N, C-alpha and C. Protein backbone atom coordinates (compact mmCIF):
# COMPACT_ATOMS: atom_id res chain seq x y z
N MET A 1 100.19 239.32 147.70
CA MET A 1 99.29 240.12 146.95
C MET A 1 98.91 241.94 147.47
N ALA A 2 99.68 242.43 147.79
CA ALA A 2 100.36 244.39 147.79
C ALA A 2 102.08 243.92 147.33
N TRP A 3 102.32 242.30 146.54
CA TRP A 3 103.58 242.49 146.46
C TRP A 3 103.28 242.94 144.70
N VAL A 4 101.92 242.19 144.07
CA VAL A 4 101.86 242.03 142.99
C VAL A 4 101.06 243.40 142.88
N SER A 5 100.67 244.25 143.29
CA SER A 5 99.50 245.52 143.18
C SER A 5 101.12 246.07 143.04
N ASP A 6 101.69 246.33 143.73
CA ASP A 6 102.92 247.41 143.91
C ASP A 6 103.54 246.70 142.51
N GLN A 7 103.38 245.66 141.73
CA GLN A 7 104.28 245.90 140.40
C GLN A 7 103.49 246.37 139.93
N ILE A 8 102.12 245.68 139.71
CA ILE A 8 101.44 246.91 138.76
C ILE A 8 101.61 248.30 138.28
N ASP A 9 101.67 249.02 139.87
CA ASP A 9 101.94 250.55 139.56
C ASP A 9 102.82 250.68 138.85
N ALA A 10 104.25 250.20 139.12
CA ALA A 10 104.82 250.85 138.89
C ALA A 10 105.17 250.95 137.04
N VAL A 11 104.52 249.24 137.05
CA VAL A 11 104.27 249.45 135.27
C VAL A 11 103.61 250.04 135.09
N LYS A 12 102.58 250.84 135.69
CA LYS A 12 101.49 251.60 135.29
C LYS A 12 102.20 252.84 134.99
N SER A 13 103.54 253.10 136.32
CA SER A 13 104.67 254.42 136.15
C SER A 13 105.86 254.88 135.44
N ILE A 14 105.82 253.72 134.10
CA ILE A 14 106.71 253.51 133.68
C ILE A 14 106.66 254.27 132.45
N GLN A 15 107.86 255.12 132.28
CA GLN A 15 107.81 256.58 130.92
C GLN A 15 108.56 255.86 130.35
N ILE A 16 107.52 256.31 128.78
CA ILE A 16 108.11 254.91 127.60
C ILE A 16 110.28 255.26 127.27
N ARG A 17 110.25 256.55 127.19
CA ARG A 17 111.72 256.04 127.32
C ARG A 17 111.99 255.43 128.20
N GLN A 18 111.36 255.03 129.49
CA GLN A 18 112.43 253.99 130.72
C GLN A 18 112.10 252.50 129.76
N LEU A 19 111.06 252.49 129.57
CA LEU A 19 110.53 251.54 128.93
C LEU A 19 111.47 250.70 128.37
N VAL A 20 111.98 251.80 126.37
CA VAL A 20 113.24 252.03 125.19
C VAL A 20 113.66 251.33 125.86
N HIS A 21 114.67 252.22 127.46
CA HIS A 21 115.32 251.65 127.90
C HIS A 21 116.18 250.19 127.93
N GLN A 22 114.11 249.86 128.98
CA GLN A 22 114.89 248.40 129.54
C GLN A 22 114.94 247.56 128.56
N ALA A 23 113.62 247.68 127.68
CA ALA A 23 113.85 246.85 126.55
C ALA A 23 115.62 246.69 125.94
N VAL A 24 115.73 247.15 125.18
CA VAL A 24 117.65 247.24 125.04
C VAL A 24 118.30 246.27 125.83
N SER A 25 117.77 246.52 126.88
CA SER A 25 119.10 246.73 128.24
C SER A 25 118.20 244.51 128.37
N LEU A 26 117.36 244.80 127.34
CA LEU A 26 117.00 243.03 127.87
C LEU A 26 117.29 242.08 126.00
N GLY A 27 117.39 243.28 125.71
CA GLY A 27 118.10 242.61 123.95
C GLY A 27 119.05 242.64 123.55
N MET A 28 120.71 243.18 124.71
CA MET A 28 121.78 243.54 124.77
C MET A 28 122.56 241.44 125.84
N ILE A 29 121.20 241.59 127.32
CA ILE A 29 121.15 240.61 127.17
C ILE A 29 121.48 239.91 126.43
N VAL A 30 120.13 239.45 126.18
CA VAL A 30 119.77 238.22 124.80
C VAL A 30 120.73 238.33 123.91
N THR A 31 121.57 238.76 123.02
CA THR A 31 122.65 239.28 122.18
C THR A 31 123.84 238.34 123.07
N SER A 32 124.25 239.01 124.16
CA SER A 32 125.29 238.78 124.89
C SER A 32 125.00 236.75 124.73
N ALA A 33 124.29 236.87 125.51
CA ALA A 33 124.12 234.86 125.27
C ALA A 33 124.45 234.60 123.83
N LEU A 34 123.96 234.62 122.68
CA LEU A 34 123.65 234.37 121.94
C LEU A 34 125.56 234.53 121.15
N ILE A 35 126.13 235.45 121.79
CA ILE A 35 127.57 235.76 121.43
C ILE A 35 128.05 234.82 122.29
N ILE A 36 127.73 235.11 123.66
CA ILE A 36 128.79 233.58 124.44
C ILE A 36 128.76 232.24 123.63
N TRP A 37 127.02 232.14 123.35
CA TRP A 37 126.86 230.83 122.81
C TRP A 37 128.16 230.55 121.46
N LYS A 38 127.86 231.32 120.91
CA LYS A 38 128.98 231.05 119.05
C LYS A 38 129.93 231.02 119.18
N ALA A 39 130.28 231.91 120.20
CA ALA A 39 131.85 231.46 120.21
C ALA A 39 132.09 229.91 121.40
N LEU A 40 131.48 230.17 121.98
CA LEU A 40 132.12 228.52 122.78
C LEU A 40 131.92 227.35 121.30
N MET A 41 130.20 227.86 120.37
CA MET A 41 131.21 226.42 119.26
C MET A 41 131.83 226.92 118.70
N CYS A 42 132.08 227.66 118.38
CA CYS A 42 133.64 228.06 117.57
C CYS A 42 135.21 227.46 118.33
N PHE A 43 135.37 227.58 120.24
CA PHE A 43 136.33 227.19 120.72
C PHE A 43 136.02 225.77 120.52
N THR A 44 135.16 225.04 121.43
CA THR A 44 134.95 223.95 121.75
C THR A 44 134.71 222.46 119.87
N GLY A 45 134.40 223.73 118.18
CA GLY A 45 134.01 222.83 117.12
C GLY A 45 133.00 222.56 117.48
N SER A 46 132.32 222.09 118.63
CA SER A 46 131.56 221.00 118.27
C SER A 46 129.83 222.22 118.38
N GLU A 47 128.54 221.75 117.52
CA GLU A 47 127.64 222.81 116.84
C GLU A 47 127.23 222.63 118.75
N SER A 48 126.75 221.84 119.26
CA SER A 48 126.60 222.49 120.75
C SER A 48 127.58 222.11 121.42
N PRO A 49 128.06 223.36 122.38
CA PRO A 49 129.09 222.51 123.26
C PRO A 49 128.48 222.38 125.15
N VAL A 50 127.19 222.02 124.69
CA VAL A 50 126.81 222.18 126.85
C VAL A 50 125.64 221.68 125.85
N VAL A 51 125.79 220.23 126.67
CA VAL A 51 124.27 218.97 126.39
C VAL A 51 123.82 218.38 128.17
N VAL A 52 122.07 218.94 127.81
CA VAL A 52 122.01 217.90 129.08
C VAL A 52 122.25 216.77 129.05
N VAL A 53 121.88 214.94 129.60
CA VAL A 53 121.72 214.08 130.04
C VAL A 53 119.94 213.90 130.24
N LEU A 54 119.09 213.31 129.50
CA LEU A 54 117.99 212.99 129.12
C LEU A 54 117.74 211.41 129.86
N SER A 55 118.30 211.01 129.44
CA SER A 55 117.65 209.13 129.99
C SER A 55 118.98 208.60 130.98
N GLY A 56 118.71 207.56 131.87
CA GLY A 56 119.10 206.87 132.90
C GLY A 56 120.47 205.90 131.79
N SER A 57 120.61 205.87 130.44
CA SER A 57 121.40 204.75 129.64
C SER A 57 122.78 204.54 130.21
N MET A 58 123.28 206.30 130.20
CA MET A 58 124.33 205.96 130.99
C MET A 58 124.96 206.30 132.06
N GLU A 59 123.90 205.88 132.82
CA GLU A 59 124.28 205.47 134.46
C GLU A 59 125.26 204.22 134.53
N PRO A 60 125.68 204.32 135.48
CA PRO A 60 125.81 204.86 136.88
C PRO A 60 126.66 206.35 136.55
N GLY A 61 128.30 206.34 135.63
CA GLY A 61 129.23 206.99 134.59
C GLY A 61 128.39 208.20 134.77
N PHE A 62 127.06 208.39 134.61
CA PHE A 62 125.74 209.81 134.07
C PHE A 62 124.68 209.83 134.35
N LYS A 63 124.51 210.54 135.08
CA LYS A 63 123.08 210.28 135.28
C LYS A 63 121.69 211.33 135.06
N ARG A 64 120.26 211.10 134.75
CA ARG A 64 119.88 211.79 134.23
C ARG A 64 120.04 213.35 135.28
N GLY A 65 119.52 215.11 134.58
CA GLY A 65 120.59 216.01 134.91
C GLY A 65 121.09 216.23 134.44
N ASP A 66 122.58 215.19 134.49
CA ASP A 66 123.87 216.01 133.91
C ASP A 66 124.48 216.02 132.98
N ILE A 67 124.88 218.17 133.06
CA ILE A 67 125.30 218.53 131.88
C ILE A 67 127.29 218.47 131.94
N LEU A 68 127.09 218.19 130.19
CA LEU A 68 128.30 217.78 130.03
C LEU A 68 128.44 218.67 128.60
N PHE A 69 130.14 218.72 129.36
CA PHE A 69 130.75 219.57 127.91
C PHE A 69 131.43 218.87 126.63
N LEU A 70 130.86 220.02 125.83
CA LEU A 70 132.04 218.93 124.57
C LEU A 70 133.03 219.31 124.00
N HIS A 71 133.23 218.72 123.14
CA HIS A 71 134.53 219.46 121.98
C HIS A 71 134.39 218.67 120.95
N MET A 72 135.27 218.64 120.36
CA MET A 72 134.76 217.64 119.00
C MET A 72 136.41 218.37 118.11
N SER A 73 137.05 217.62 118.18
CA SER A 73 138.59 217.26 117.36
C SER A 73 138.67 216.80 116.26
N LYS A 74 139.28 216.83 115.49
CA LYS A 74 140.01 215.26 114.58
C LYS A 74 140.79 214.95 114.75
N ASP A 75 140.54 214.55 115.80
CA ASP A 75 141.60 213.29 116.84
C ASP A 75 140.73 211.95 116.44
N PRO A 76 141.46 210.80 116.09
CA PRO A 76 141.24 209.51 115.86
C PRO A 76 139.89 209.70 117.06
N ILE A 77 138.58 208.59 117.25
CA ILE A 77 137.83 208.46 117.81
C ILE A 77 138.09 206.78 118.12
N TYR A 78 138.04 207.14 119.58
CA TYR A 78 138.33 205.45 120.44
C TYR A 78 137.66 204.95 120.78
N ALA A 79 137.57 203.88 120.62
CA ALA A 79 136.11 202.64 121.80
C ALA A 79 136.45 203.39 123.36
N GLY A 80 136.09 202.99 124.06
CA GLY A 80 135.61 204.02 125.77
C GLY A 80 135.67 205.66 125.52
N GLU A 81 135.42 206.17 124.15
CA GLU A 81 135.23 207.43 124.40
C GLU A 81 133.74 207.73 124.78
N ILE A 82 133.03 208.31 125.22
CA ILE A 82 131.58 209.53 125.58
C ILE A 82 131.81 210.30 124.34
N VAL A 83 130.63 209.81 123.80
CA VAL A 83 129.88 210.75 122.43
C VAL A 83 128.88 211.69 122.95
N VAL A 84 128.22 211.79 121.90
CA VAL A 84 127.36 213.06 121.82
C VAL A 84 127.21 212.46 120.37
N PHE A 85 125.91 212.11 120.01
CA PHE A 85 125.58 212.06 118.50
C PHE A 85 124.16 212.20 118.42
N ASN A 86 123.34 213.12 116.36
CA ASN A 86 122.84 213.05 116.22
C ASN A 86 121.93 211.31 114.74
N VAL A 87 121.46 211.75 115.04
CA VAL A 87 120.79 210.05 114.29
C VAL A 87 119.44 210.71 113.36
N ASP A 88 119.62 210.78 112.12
CA ASP A 88 118.57 210.85 111.33
C ASP A 88 117.95 210.40 111.22
N GLY A 89 116.44 211.73 111.26
CA GLY A 89 115.35 211.78 112.25
C GLY A 89 115.58 211.68 113.16
N ARG A 90 115.81 211.85 114.05
CA ARG A 90 115.95 212.50 115.49
C ARG A 90 115.94 213.90 115.67
N GLU A 91 115.37 214.29 116.42
CA GLU A 91 115.97 215.55 117.02
C GLU A 91 116.56 215.95 118.24
N ILE A 92 116.33 215.16 119.08
CA ILE A 92 117.80 214.90 120.50
C ILE A 92 118.86 213.95 120.60
N PRO A 93 119.57 215.07 119.97
CA PRO A 93 120.91 214.04 120.77
C PRO A 93 120.33 212.67 121.98
N ILE A 94 122.11 211.69 121.19
CA ILE A 94 121.60 210.94 122.25
C ILE A 94 123.67 211.25 123.01
N VAL A 95 123.66 210.49 124.05
CA VAL A 95 124.53 210.68 125.14
C VAL A 95 125.39 208.94 125.03
N HIS A 96 126.13 208.20 124.58
CA HIS A 96 126.74 207.30 124.18
C HIS A 96 128.22 207.26 124.55
N ARG A 97 128.61 205.23 124.88
CA ARG A 97 129.91 205.28 124.78
C ARG A 97 130.46 204.44 123.32
N VAL A 98 131.51 204.97 122.27
CA VAL A 98 131.62 204.49 121.80
C VAL A 98 131.96 202.49 122.53
N ILE A 99 131.72 201.73 121.61
CA ILE A 99 132.33 200.33 121.60
C ILE A 99 133.16 199.45 120.98
N LYS A 100 133.26 200.18 118.95
CA LYS A 100 134.12 199.17 118.07
C LYS A 100 134.04 201.16 117.74
N VAL A 101 135.05 200.89 117.19
CA VAL A 101 135.43 201.74 116.00
C VAL A 101 135.81 201.08 115.19
N HIS A 102 135.63 201.46 113.04
CA HIS A 102 136.42 200.30 112.24
C HIS A 102 136.35 202.13 111.40
N GLU A 103 137.60 201.47 110.92
CA GLU A 103 138.73 203.02 109.58
C GLU A 103 138.78 201.64 108.68
N ARG A 104 138.23 202.34 108.09
CA ARG A 104 137.80 201.73 106.20
C ARG A 104 140.52 202.67 105.87
N LYS A 105 140.96 201.40 105.64
CA LYS A 105 142.56 201.90 105.27
C LYS A 105 141.72 203.25 103.57
N ASP A 106 141.06 202.45 102.92
CA ASP A 106 140.53 203.71 101.69
C ASP A 106 140.54 204.95 101.69
N THR A 107 139.25 205.22 102.29
CA THR A 107 139.30 206.18 103.07
C THR A 107 139.68 206.95 103.70
N GLY A 108 140.59 206.63 105.05
CA GLY A 108 140.22 206.69 106.31
C GLY A 108 139.05 207.49 107.10
N GLU A 109 137.78 207.06 106.72
CA GLU A 109 136.98 207.38 107.19
C GLU A 109 136.44 206.76 108.20
N VAL A 110 136.35 206.48 109.16
CA VAL A 110 135.18 205.27 110.47
C VAL A 110 134.16 205.46 110.52
N ASP A 111 134.09 204.29 111.01
CA ASP A 111 133.45 203.25 111.45
C ASP A 111 132.75 203.22 112.82
N VAL A 112 131.30 203.98 113.54
CA VAL A 112 131.65 204.07 114.90
C VAL A 112 129.89 203.18 115.43
N LEU A 113 130.51 202.56 116.65
CA LEU A 113 129.41 202.38 116.83
C LEU A 113 129.06 202.40 118.65
N THR A 114 128.01 202.21 118.95
CA THR A 114 127.87 202.77 120.61
C THR A 114 127.06 201.92 121.13
N LYS A 115 127.03 202.65 122.21
CA LYS A 115 126.44 201.47 123.21
C LYS A 115 125.93 203.05 124.73
N GLY A 116 125.01 201.82 124.87
CA GLY A 116 124.46 203.44 126.87
C GLY A 116 125.04 202.11 127.80
N ASP A 117 125.51 202.73 128.55
CA ASP A 117 126.27 202.11 129.54
C ASP A 117 125.17 201.31 130.52
N ASN A 118 124.12 201.47 130.25
CA ASN A 118 123.15 201.01 130.99
C ASN A 118 122.70 200.11 130.11
N ASN A 119 122.79 199.90 129.18
CA ASN A 119 121.59 199.10 128.32
C ASN A 119 122.43 197.57 127.69
N TYR A 120 121.49 196.68 127.42
CA TYR A 120 121.50 195.37 127.14
C TYR A 120 122.10 195.66 126.33
N GLY A 121 121.86 195.86 124.75
CA GLY A 121 122.74 196.02 123.47
C GLY A 121 123.23 197.65 122.56
N ASP A 122 123.64 196.61 122.13
CA ASP A 122 124.73 198.15 121.18
C ASP A 122 123.26 199.48 120.61
N ASP A 123 123.30 199.83 120.13
CA ASP A 123 122.42 201.39 119.70
C ASP A 123 121.69 200.90 118.06
N ARG A 124 122.10 200.48 117.64
CA ARG A 124 122.04 199.70 115.74
C ARG A 124 119.89 200.02 115.27
N LEU A 125 119.05 199.77 117.45
CA LEU A 125 117.56 199.90 116.88
C LEU A 125 117.69 201.20 117.15
N LEU A 126 118.74 202.47 117.52
CA LEU A 126 118.24 203.79 117.86
C LEU A 126 119.07 204.44 116.29
N TYR A 127 119.81 203.49 115.84
CA TYR A 127 119.94 204.45 114.58
C TYR A 127 118.80 204.31 113.48
N ALA A 128 119.21 205.60 112.60
CA ALA A 128 118.26 205.03 111.05
C ALA A 128 116.96 204.58 110.73
N HIS A 129 116.89 204.01 110.13
CA HIS A 129 116.96 202.55 109.82
C HIS A 129 117.17 202.02 108.59
N GLY A 130 117.92 200.65 109.04
CA GLY A 130 119.11 200.47 107.75
C GLY A 130 120.54 200.91 108.52
N GLN A 131 120.92 201.62 109.29
CA GLN A 131 122.37 202.71 109.73
C GLN A 131 122.92 200.79 110.53
N GLN A 132 123.59 200.41 110.35
CA GLN A 132 124.82 199.53 111.25
C GLN A 132 125.48 200.70 111.74
N TRP A 133 126.14 202.15 111.48
CA TRP A 133 127.56 202.45 111.99
C TRP A 133 127.22 203.78 112.16
N LEU A 134 127.47 204.48 112.95
CA LEU A 134 127.61 206.31 113.18
C LEU A 134 128.88 206.00 112.05
N GLN A 135 128.60 207.20 111.46
CA GLN A 135 130.35 208.31 110.38
C GLN A 135 130.24 209.27 111.56
N ARG A 136 132.35 209.93 111.43
CA ARG A 136 131.99 211.38 111.78
C ARG A 136 131.23 212.33 111.71
N HIS A 137 129.83 212.44 110.77
CA HIS A 137 129.69 213.64 110.50
C HIS A 137 128.05 212.97 111.77
N HIS A 138 127.88 212.21 112.32
CA HIS A 138 126.84 211.88 113.09
C HIS A 138 127.33 213.01 114.13
N ILE A 139 128.61 212.99 114.96
CA ILE A 139 129.09 212.66 116.04
C ILE A 139 129.22 214.66 116.11
N MET A 140 128.54 214.71 117.16
CA MET A 140 128.43 216.34 117.77
C MET A 140 129.94 216.92 119.11
N GLY A 141 129.78 215.70 118.75
CA GLY A 141 131.51 215.77 119.88
C GLY A 141 132.24 214.90 121.37
N ARG A 142 132.71 214.89 121.93
CA ARG A 142 133.37 213.83 122.50
C ARG A 142 132.82 214.71 124.61
N ALA A 143 132.40 214.04 125.27
CA ALA A 143 132.27 214.97 126.65
C ALA A 143 134.27 214.48 126.74
N VAL A 144 134.14 216.37 127.74
CA VAL A 144 135.81 215.85 128.21
C VAL A 144 135.13 217.28 130.15
N GLY A 145 134.19 216.73 129.82
CA GLY A 145 133.50 217.02 131.64
C GLY A 145 131.77 217.17 131.76
N PHE A 146 132.13 217.44 133.19
CA PHE A 146 130.58 217.82 133.95
C PHE A 146 130.24 217.79 134.88
N LEU A 147 128.42 218.48 134.91
CA LEU A 147 128.17 218.99 136.22
C LEU A 147 127.15 218.41 136.53
N PRO A 148 127.34 217.58 137.73
CA PRO A 148 126.43 216.43 137.95
C PRO A 148 124.88 218.13 138.59
N TYR A 149 123.51 217.03 137.90
CA TYR A 149 122.06 217.78 138.00
C TYR A 149 122.29 218.93 138.24
N VAL A 150 123.31 219.27 137.34
CA VAL A 150 122.81 220.97 136.89
C VAL A 150 121.57 221.52 135.96
N GLY A 151 121.62 219.99 135.40
CA GLY A 151 120.90 219.81 134.01
C GLY A 151 119.01 219.84 134.77
N TRP A 152 119.35 219.84 135.80
CA TRP A 152 117.55 219.36 135.94
C TRP A 152 116.75 220.19 135.69
N VAL A 153 117.38 221.48 136.10
CA VAL A 153 116.25 223.58 135.34
C VAL A 153 115.79 222.54 133.89
N THR A 154 116.39 222.18 133.26
CA THR A 154 116.25 222.82 131.05
C THR A 154 114.83 220.96 131.38
N ILE A 155 115.02 220.19 131.90
CA ILE A 155 114.45 219.18 131.78
C ILE A 155 113.15 219.91 132.34
N ILE A 156 112.72 219.77 133.90
CA ILE A 156 111.37 220.40 134.66
C ILE A 156 110.92 221.37 133.60
N MET A 157 111.87 222.46 133.01
CA MET A 157 111.71 223.53 131.40
C MET A 157 110.97 222.31 130.87
N THR A 158 111.97 221.71 130.28
CA THR A 158 110.75 220.71 128.89
C THR A 158 109.20 220.17 129.11
N GLU A 159 109.67 219.00 130.18
CA GLU A 159 108.76 218.65 130.53
C GLU A 159 107.55 219.15 131.68
N LYS A 160 107.74 220.35 131.86
CA LYS A 160 106.56 221.40 132.81
C LYS A 160 106.62 222.48 131.34
N PRO A 161 106.41 222.98 130.29
CA PRO A 161 106.71 224.11 130.10
C PRO A 161 105.56 225.43 129.95
N MET A 162 104.91 225.24 131.89
CA MET A 162 104.31 226.31 132.62
C MET A 162 105.87 227.07 132.66
N ILE A 163 106.45 225.98 133.21
CA ILE A 163 106.85 226.86 135.24
C ILE A 163 108.11 227.47 133.84
N LYS A 164 108.53 226.94 132.53
CA LYS A 164 109.43 227.89 131.94
C LYS A 164 108.56 228.54 131.61
N TYR A 165 107.02 229.92 130.74
CA TYR A 165 106.47 231.01 131.17
C TYR A 165 106.46 231.90 132.12
N ILE A 166 105.64 231.00 133.30
CA ILE A 166 106.08 231.84 134.49
C ILE A 166 107.81 231.54 135.24
N LEU A 167 108.78 231.83 134.98
CA LEU A 167 110.18 232.66 134.70
C LEU A 167 110.32 233.53 134.15
N ILE A 168 110.18 232.89 132.50
CA ILE A 168 110.10 234.25 131.46
C ILE A 168 109.48 235.47 131.68
N GLY A 169 108.28 235.52 132.26
CA GLY A 169 106.99 236.21 132.75
C GLY A 169 107.68 237.50 133.56
N ALA A 170 108.03 235.91 134.71
CA ALA A 170 108.48 237.23 136.11
C ALA A 170 109.73 237.61 135.59
N LEU A 171 110.59 236.85 134.95
CA LEU A 171 112.02 237.47 134.60
C LEU A 171 111.60 238.64 133.44
N GLY A 172 110.67 239.23 132.72
CA GLY A 172 109.90 240.10 131.78
C GLY A 172 109.88 241.07 132.37
N LEU A 173 109.06 240.79 133.49
CA LEU A 173 108.50 241.81 135.06
C LEU A 173 109.50 242.69 135.30
N LEU A 174 110.92 241.85 136.25
CA LEU A 174 111.30 241.98 136.72
C LEU A 174 112.25 243.08 135.79
N VAL A 175 112.63 242.67 134.74
CA VAL A 175 112.89 243.44 133.58
C VAL A 175 113.05 245.05 133.14
N ILE A 176 111.49 245.24 133.04
CA ILE A 176 110.87 245.75 132.67
C ILE A 176 110.19 246.91 133.97
N THR A 177 110.68 246.63 135.10
CA THR A 177 110.34 247.56 136.57
C THR A 177 111.73 248.09 137.47
N SER A 178 112.34 246.98 136.58
CA SER A 178 113.84 247.41 137.20
C SER A 178 114.01 249.15 137.70
N LYS A 179 114.47 250.41 137.81
CA LYS A 179 114.45 251.66 138.41
C LYS A 179 115.99 251.84 138.15
N ASP A 180 116.88 250.56 137.79
CA ASP A 180 117.95 251.22 137.34
C ASP A 180 118.27 251.91 136.29
């Protein structure tokens, strides 16, 4: 309890100039993170260069909480690749393996069918109503690497938002009360 009262005293003793300095520092940290994210988007060609596996549909290859690194190039998509895709009407992307690819010779466009490694059937039930195949514009990127279990931080903060608010508040308090 003494730590809390020390922090309250520290907040009370902050001068306006120091408060503005801390706020600018916090803004620079947030801006730097956004710049790094945008640079990764440009470098990887993917609208989301890093995603977290949210379900067990790709086990045993990828488990819930694994972080995947994505890259999207103009190279053809092949059966066996792991892709992350968006489906119309769903906001959360899906990580599954390509099981069939059909290329239309007249237009050069491709139709892709996916399936989770741990699922019984293909993903046609997950696609938008009446959709049988994915097109290239649905695919956000291809998995090129992963970090196991690191994404659990994201899952916990999504499933228990109170933890997220406590962490953000504690970090904000630390930034404001730091004496540097």
